[in-house]
Amino acid sequence: MKVGFFGGNVLKLTEDMHILKPTFFPSVPRLFNRIYGKIQDKFKDAAGVKGMLINQALSSKQYYYKNG
């Protein structure tokens, strides 16, 4: 397990996470929502084959989640 502290700038938290590569990340819901939003933005920007693969993977995951 690794322990680390972010540099103090919330806007650079993703850079800190990339450097630290934490195995456990306690946080507050607001921060998780921010990370989720960034991931969703990247998914929306994906086009072509990459976008198709992302949509197919998400649909498959949701199907299997709903069906046990």
PDB file of N, CA and C in Angstrom:
ATOM      1  N   MET A   1       0.844  -1.169   0.000  1.00  0.00           N
ATOM      2  CA  MET A   1       0.000   0.000   0.000  1.00  0.00           C
ATOM      3  C   MET A   1       0.886   1.226   0.000  1.00  0.00           C
ATOM      4  N   LYS A   2       0.481   2.232  -0.751  1.00  0.00           N
ATOM      5  CA  LYS A   2       1.224   3.486  -0.826  1.00  0.00           C
ATOM      6  C   LYS A   2       0.446   4.581  -0.117  1.00  0.00           C
ATOM      7  N   VAL A   3       1.160   5.472   0.525  1.00  0.00           N
ATOM      8  CA  VAL A   3       0.548   6.630   1.173  1.00  0.00           C
ATOM      9  C   VAL A   3       1.186   7.874   0.578  1.00  0.00           C
ATOM     10  N   GLY A   4       0.367   8.826   0.189  1.00  0.00           N
ATOM     11  CA  GLY A   4       0.888  10.069  -0.375  1.00  0.00           C
ATOM     12  C   GLY A   4      -0.082  11.197  -0.117  1.00  0.00           C
ATOM     13  N   PHE A   5       0.391  12.396  -0.294  1.00  0.00           N
ATOM     14  CA  PHE A   5      -0.422  13.585  -0.096  1.00  0.00           C
ATOM     15  C   PHE A   5      -0.349  14.427  -1.360  1.00  0.00           C
ATOM     16  N   PHE A   6      -1.496  14.987  -1.738  1.00  0.00           N
ATOM     17  CA  PHE A   6      -1.499  15.810  -2.944  1.00  0.00           C
ATOM     18  C   PHE A   6      -0.793  17.131  -2.660  1.00  0.00           C
ATOM     19  N   GLY A   7      -0.374  17.797  -3.727  1.00  0.00           N
ATOM     20  CA  GLY A   7       0.445  18.995  -3.617  1.00  0.00           C
ATOM     21  C   GLY A   7      -0.266  20.216  -3.081  1.00  0.00           C
ATOM     22  N   GLY A   8      -1.574  20.165  -2.882  1.00  0.00           N
ATOM     23  CA  GLY A   8      -2.304  21.296  -2.339  1.00  0.00           C
ATOM     24  C   GLY A   8      -3.163  22.018  -3.360  1.00  0.00           C
ATOM     25  N   ASN A   9      -2.905  21.816  -4.644  1.00  0.00           N
ATOM     26  CA  ASN A   9      -3.691  22.449  -5.689  1.00  0.00           C
ATOM     27  C   ASN A   9      -4.703  21.436  -6.213  1.00  0.00           C
ATOM     28  N   VAL A  10      -5.975  21.677  -5.940  1.00  0.00           N
ATOM     29  CA  VAL A  10      -7.029  20.736  -6.332  1.00  0.00           C
ATOM     30  C   VAL A  10      -7.093  20.574  -7.840  1.00  0.00           C
ATOM     31  N   LEU A  11      -6.765  21.626  -8.580  1.00  0.00           N
ATOM     32  CA  LEU A  11      -6.816  21.541 -10.035  1.00  0.00           C
ATOM     33  C   LEU A  11      -5.742  20.609 -10.598  1.00  0.00           C
ATOM     34  N   LYS A  12      -4.701  20.333  -9.825  1.00  0.00           N
ATOM     35  CA  LYS A  12      -3.636  19.437 -10.266  1.00  0.00           C
ATOM     36  C   LYS A  12      -3.706  18.073  -9.579  1.00  0.00           C
ATOM     37  N   LEU A  13      -4.848  17.757  -9.008  1.00  0.00           N
ATOM     38  CA  LEU A  13      -4.996  16.497  -8.288  1.00  0.00           C
ATOM     39  C   LEU A  13      -4.819  15.288  -9.197  1.00  0.00           C
ATOM     40  N   THR A  14      -5.315  15.373 -10.424  1.00  0.00           N
ATOM     41  CA  THR A  14      -5.162  14.241 -11.338  1.00  0.00           C
ATOM     42  C   THR A  14      -3.692  13.992 -11.659  1.00  0.00           C
ATOM     43  N   GLU A  15      -2.897  15.062 -11.760  1.00  0.00           N
ATOM     44  CA  GLU A  15      -1.458  14.886 -11.984  1.00  0.00           C
ATOM     45  C   GLU A  15      -0.818  14.202 -10.781  1.00  0.00           C
ATOM     46  N   ASP A  16      -1.228  14.619  -9.583  1.00  0.00           N
ATOM     47  CA  ASP A  16      -0.696  13.994  -8.367  1.00  0.00           C
ATOM     48  C   ASP A  16      -1.066  12.516  -8.301  1.00  0.00           C
ATOM     49  N   MET A  17      -2.299  12.194  -8.683  1.00  0.00           N
ATOM     50  CA  MET A  17      -2.732  10.796  -8.676  1.00  0.00           C
ATOM     51  C   MET A  17      -1.927   9.978  -9.673  1.00  0.00           C
ATOM     52  N   HIS A  18      -1.606  10.577 -10.805  1.00  0.00           N
ATOM     53  CA  HIS A  18      -0.814   9.883 -11.815  1.00  0.00           C
ATOM     54  C   HIS A  18       0.583   9.565 -11.282  1.00  0.00           C
ATOM     55  N   ILE A  19       1.150  10.491 -10.529  1.00  0.00           N
ATOM     56  CA  ILE A  19       2.483  10.288  -9.963  1.00  0.00           C
ATOM     57  C   ILE A  19       2.441   9.286  -8.804  1.00  0.00           C
ATOM     58  N   LEU A  20       1.467   9.450  -7.896  1.00  0.00           N
ATOM     59  CA  LEU A  20       1.391   8.610  -6.695  1.00  0.00           C
ATOM     60  C   LEU A  20       0.882   7.196  -6.979  1.00  0.00           C
ATOM     61  N   LYS A  21      -0.043   7.062  -7.939  1.00  0.00           N
ATOM     62  CA  LYS A  21      -0.683   5.776  -8.256  1.00  0.00           C
ATOM     63  C   LYS A  21      -1.181   5.092  -6.973  1.00  0.00           C
ATOM     64  N   PRO A  22      -2.139   5.728  -6.287  1.00  0.00           N
ATOM     65  CA  PRO A  22      -2.592   5.182  -5.004  1.00  0.00           C
ATOM     66  C   PRO A  22      -3.337   3.866  -5.161  1.00  0.00           C
ATOM     67  N   THR A  23      -3.227   3.016  -4.136  1.00  0.00           N
ATOM     68  CA  THR A  23      -3.971   1.760  -4.114  1.00  0.00           C
ATOM     69  C   THR A  23      -5.290   1.929  -3.362  1.00  0.00           C
ATOM     70  N   PHE A  24      -5.389   2.961  -2.570  1.00  0.00           N
ATOM     71  CA  PHE A  24      -6.585   3.264  -1.797  1.00  0.00           C
ATOM     72  C   PHE A  24      -6.767   4.768  -1.849  1.00  0.00           C
ATOM     73  N   PHE A  25      -8.003   5.239  -2.140  1.00  0.00           N
ATOM     74  CA  PHE A  25      -8.223   6.660  -2.361  1.00  0.00           C
ATOM     75  C   PHE A  25      -9.468   7.145  -1.612  1.00  0.00           C
ATOM     76  N   PRO A  26      -9.339   7.429  -0.316  1.00  0.00           N
ATOM     77  CA  PRO A  26     -10.492   7.975   0.401  1.00  0.00           C
ATOM     78  C   PRO A  26     -10.744   9.407  -0.059  1.00  0.00           C
ATOM     79  N   SER A  27     -11.997   9.737  -0.225  1.00  0.00           N
ATOM     80  CA  SER A  27     -12.323  11.066  -0.730  1.00  0.00           C
ATOM     81  C   SER A  27     -13.770  11.412  -0.395  1.00  0.00           C
ATOM     82  N   VAL A  28     -14.206  12.537  -0.926  1.00  0.00           N
ATOM     83  CA  VAL A  28     -15.581  12.996  -0.750  1.00  0.00           C
ATOM     84  C   VAL A  28     -16.321  12.853  -2.077  1.00  0.00           C
ATOM     85  N   PRO A  29     -17.641  12.723  -2.045  1.00  0.00           N
ATOM     86  CA  PRO A  29     -18.407  12.523  -3.288  1.00  0.00           C
ATOM     87  C   PRO A  29     -18.178  13.608  -4.342  1.00  0.00           C
ATOM     88  N   ARG A  30     -17.975  14.829  -3.920  1.00  0.00           N
ATOM     89  CA  ARG A  30     -17.790  15.921  -4.881  1.00  0.00           C
ATOM     90  C   ARG A  30     -16.581  15.660  -5.779  1.00  0.00           C
ATOM     91  N   LEU A  31     -15.519  15.162  -5.197  1.00  0.00           N
ATOM     92  CA  LEU A  31     -14.321  14.887  -5.983  1.00  0.00           C
ATOM     93  C   LEU A  31     -14.554  13.716  -6.931  1.00  0.00           C
ATOM     94  N   PHE A  32     -15.237  12.672  -6.457  1.00  0.00           N
ATOM     95  CA  PHE A  32     -15.540  11.541  -7.331  1.00  0.00           C
ATOM     96  C   PHE A  32     -16.429  11.982  -8.496  1.00  0.00           C
ATOM     97  N   ASN A  33     -17.367  12.889  -8.243  1.00  0.00           N
ATOM     98  CA  ASN A  33     -18.215  13.405  -9.313  1.00  0.00           C
ATOM     99  C   ASN A  33     -17.390  14.176 -10.338  1.00  0.00           C
ATOM    100  N   ARG A  34     -16.391  14.897  -9.876  1.00  0.00           N
ATOM    101  CA  ARG A  34     -15.520  15.642 -10.788  1.00  0.00           C
ATOM    102  C   ARG A  34     -14.718  14.685 -11.674  1.00  0.00           C
ATOM    103  N   ILE A  35     -14.184  13.635 -11.081  1.00  0.00           N
ATOM    104  CA  ILE A  35     -13.428  12.632 -11.842  1.00  0.00           C
ATOM    105  C   ILE A  35     -14.345  11.936 -12.844  1.00  0.00           C
ATOM    106  N   TYR A  36     -15.545  11.573 -12.395  1.00  0.00           N
ATOM    107  CA  TYR A  36     -16.531  10.934 -13.274  1.00  0.00           C
ATOM    108  C   TYR A  36     -16.870  11.847 -14.451  1.00  0.00           C
ATOM    109  N   GLY A  37     -17.037  13.129 -14.180  1.00  0.00           N
ATOM    110  CA  GLY A  37     -17.348  14.086 -15.241  1.00  0.00           C
ATOM    111  C   GLY A  37     -16.241  14.169 -16.278  1.00  0.00           C
ATOM    112  N   LYS A  38     -14.990  14.139 -15.842  1.00  0.00           N
ATOM    113  CA  LYS A  38     -13.868  14.188 -16.784  1.00  0.00           C
ATOM    114  C   LYS A  38     -13.837  12.937 -17.657  1.00  0.00           C
ATOM    115  N   ILE A  39     -14.126  11.796 -17.056  1.00  0.00           N
ATOM    116  CA  ILE A  39     -14.156  10.549 -17.832  1.00  0.00           C
ATOM    117  C   ILE A  39     -15.281  10.602 -18.857  1.00  0.00           C
ATOM    118  N   GLN A  40     -16.449  11.073 -18.446  1.00  0.00           N
ATOM    119  CA  GLN A  40     -17.580  11.171 -19.360  1.00  0.00           C
ATOM    120  C   GLN A  40     -17.277  12.124 -20.514  1.00  0.00           C
ATOM    121  N   ASP A  41     -16.591  13.231 -20.236  1.00  0.00           N
ATOM    122  CA  ASP A  41     -16.221  14.164 -21.299  1.00  0.00           C
ATOM    123  C   ASP A  41     -15.304  13.503 -22.323  1.00  0.00           C
ATOM    124  N   LYS A  42     -14.361  12.702 -21.855  1.00  0.00           N
ATOM    125  CA  LYS A  42     -13.456  11.991 -22.774  1.00  0.00           C
ATOM    126  C   LYS A  42     -14.247  10.995 -23.627  1.00  0.00           C
ATOM    127  N   PHE A  43     -15.222  10.316 -23.010  1.00  0.00           N
ATOM    128  CA  PHE A  43     -16.042   9.370 -23.756  1.00  0.00           C
ATOM    129  C   PHE A  43     -16.859  10.084 -24.830  1.00  0.00           C
ATOM    130  N   LYS A  44     -17.405  11.244 -24.490  1.00  0.00           N
ATOM    131  CA  LYS A  44     -18.220  11.992 -25.456  1.00  0.00           C
ATOM    132  C   LYS A  44     -17.378  12.482 -26.622  1.00  0.00           C
ATOM    133  N   ASP A  45     -16.120  12.814 -26.374  1.00  0.00           N
ATOM    134  CA  ASP A  45     -15.236  13.306 -27.433  1.00  0.00           C
ATOM    135  C   ASP A  45     -14.735  12.195 -28.344  1.00  0.00           C
ATOM    136  N   ALA A  46     -14.835  10.953 -27.899  1.00  0.00           N
ATOM    137  CA  ALA A  46     -14.337   9.826 -28.692  1.00  0.00           C
ATOM    138  C   ALA A  46     -15.215   9.638 -29.927  1.00  0.00           C
ATOM    139  N   ALA A  47     -14.556   9.473 -31.053  1.00  0.00           N
ATOM    140  CA  ALA A  47     -15.290   9.298 -32.301  1.00  0.00           C
ATOM    141  C   ALA A  47     -14.729   8.088 -33.049  1.00  0.00           C
ATOM    142  N   GLY A  48     -15.429   7.696 -34.082  1.00  0.00           N
ATOM    143  CA  GLY A  48     -14.962   6.598 -34.926  1.00  0.00           C
ATOM    144  C   GLY A  48     -14.960   5.269 -34.205  1.00  0.00           C
ATOM    145  N   VAL A  49     -13.955   4.479 -34.464  1.00  0.00           N
ATOM    146  CA  VAL A  49     -13.852   3.134 -33.889  1.00  0.00           C
ATOM    147  C   VAL A  49     -13.723   3.204 -32.372  1.00  0.00           C
ATOM    148  N   LYS A  50     -12.950   4.168 -31.888  1.00  0.00           N
ATOM    149  CA  LYS A  50     -12.769   4.320 -30.438  1.00  0.00           C
ATOM    150  C   LYS A  50     -14.109   4.586 -29.754  1.00  0.00           C
ATOM    151  N   GLY A  51     -14.909   5.478 -30.310  1.00  0.00           N
ATOM    152  CA  GLY A  51     -16.219   5.777 -29.755  1.00  0.00           C
ATOM    153  C   GLY A  51     -17.143   4.574 -29.792  1.00  0.00           C
ATOM    154  N   MET A  52     -17.083   3.828 -30.897  1.00  0.00           N
ATOM    155  CA  MET A  52     -17.909   2.631 -31.024  1.00  0.00           C
ATOM    156  C   MET A  52     -17.532   1.598 -29.962  1.00  0.00           C
ATOM    157  N   LEU A  53     -16.235   1.393 -29.759  1.00  0.00           N
ATOM    158  CA  LEU A  53     -15.780   0.420 -28.764  1.00  0.00           C
ATOM    159  C   LEU A  53     -16.188   0.839 -27.346  1.00  0.00           C
ATOM    160  N   ILE A  54     -16.086   2.119 -27.048  1.00  0.00           N
ATOM    161  CA  ILE A  54     -16.486   2.611 -25.726  1.00  0.00           C
ATOM    162  C   ILE A  54     -17.975   2.376 -25.509  1.00  0.00           C
ATOM    163  N   ASN A  55     -18.793   2.742 -26.497  1.00  0.00           N
ATOM    164  CA  ASN A  55     -20.241   2.555 -26.370  1.00  0.00           C
ATOM    165  C   ASN A  55     -20.618   1.089 -26.247  1.00  0.00           C
ATOM    166  N   GLN A  56     -19.954   0.236 -27.003  1.00  0.00           N
ATOM    167  CA  GLN A  56     -20.230  -1.199 -26.942  1.00  0.00           C
ATOM    168  C   GLN A  56     -19.837  -1.763 -25.574  1.00  0.00           C
ATOM    169  N   ALA A  57     -18.694  -1.347 -25.056  1.00  0.00           N
ATOM    170  CA  ALA A  57     -18.238  -1.826 -23.751  1.00  0.00           C
ATOM    171  C   ALA A  57     -19.187  -1.382 -22.638  1.00  0.00           C
ATOM    172  N   LEU A  58     -19.622  -0.128 -22.689  1.00  0.00           N
ATOM    173  CA  LEU A  58     -20.544   0.369 -21.667  1.00  0.00           C
ATOM    174  C   LEU A  58     -21.892  -0.339 -21.738  1.00  0.00           C
ATOM    175  N   SER A  59     -22.382  -0.543 -22.943  1.00  0.00           N
ATOM    176  CA  SER A  59     -23.665  -1.255 -23.105  1.00  0.00           C
ATOM    177  C   SER A  59     -23.566  -2.680 -22.587  1.00  0.00           C
ATOM    178  N   SER A  60     -22.477  -3.341 -22.907  1.00  0.00           N
ATOM    179  CA  SER A  60     -22.271  -4.709 -22.446  1.00  0.00           C
ATOM    180  C   SER A  60     -22.209  -4.772 -20.926  1.00  0.00           C
ATOM    181  N   LYS A  61     -21.462  -3.862 -20.321  1.00  0.00           N
ATOM    182  CA  LYS A  61     -21.328  -3.828 -18.859  1.00  0.00           C
ATOM    183  C   LYS A  61     -22.684  -3.590 -18.207  1.00  0.00           C
ATOM    184  N   GLN A  62     -23.476  -2.663 -18.746  1.00  0.00           N
ATOM    185  CA  GLN A  62     -24.794  -2.385 -18.174  1.00  0.00           C
ATOM    186  C   GLN A  62     -25.718  -3.584 -18.321  1.00  0.00           C
ATOM    187  N   TYR A  63     -25.651  -4.271 -19.444  1.00  0.00           N
ATOM    188  CA  TYR A  63     -26.486  -5.445 -19.663  1.00  0.00           C
ATOM    189  C   TYR A  63     -26.174  -6.518 -18.620  1.00  0.00           C
ATOM    190  N   TYR A  64     -24.887  -6.825 -18.458  1.00  0.00           N
ATOM    191  CA  TYR A  64     -24.489  -7.872 -17.509  1.00  0.00           C
ATOM    192  C   TYR A  64     -24.723  -7.448 -16.066  1.00  0.00           C
ATOM    193  N   TYR A  65     -24.637  -6.172 -15.786  1.00  0.00           N
ATOM    194  CA  TYR A  65     -24.926  -5.680 -14.443  1.00  0.00           C
ATOM    195  C   TYR A  65     -26.413  -5.874 -14.106  1.00  0.00           C
ATOM    196  N   LYS A  66     -27.269  -5.534 -15.055  1.00  0.00           N
ATOM    197  CA  LYS A  66     -28.710  -5.656 -14.838  1.00  0.00           C
ATOM    198  C   LYS A  66     -29.165  -7.123 -14.786  1.00  0.00           C
ATOM    199  N   ASN A  67     -28.449  -7.991 -15.463  1.00  0.00           N
ATOM    200  CA  ASN A  67     -28.841  -9.400 -15.550  1.00  0.00           C
ATOM    201  C   ASN A  67     -27.989 -10.329 -14.686  1.00  0.00           C
ATOM    202  N   GLY A  68     -27.430  -9.773 -13.664  1.00  0.00           N
ATOM    203  CA  GLY A  68     -26.704 -10.602 -12.695  1.00  0.00           C
ATOM    204  C   GLY A  68     -25.292 -10.892 -13.080  1.00  0.00           C
TER     205      GLY A  68
END
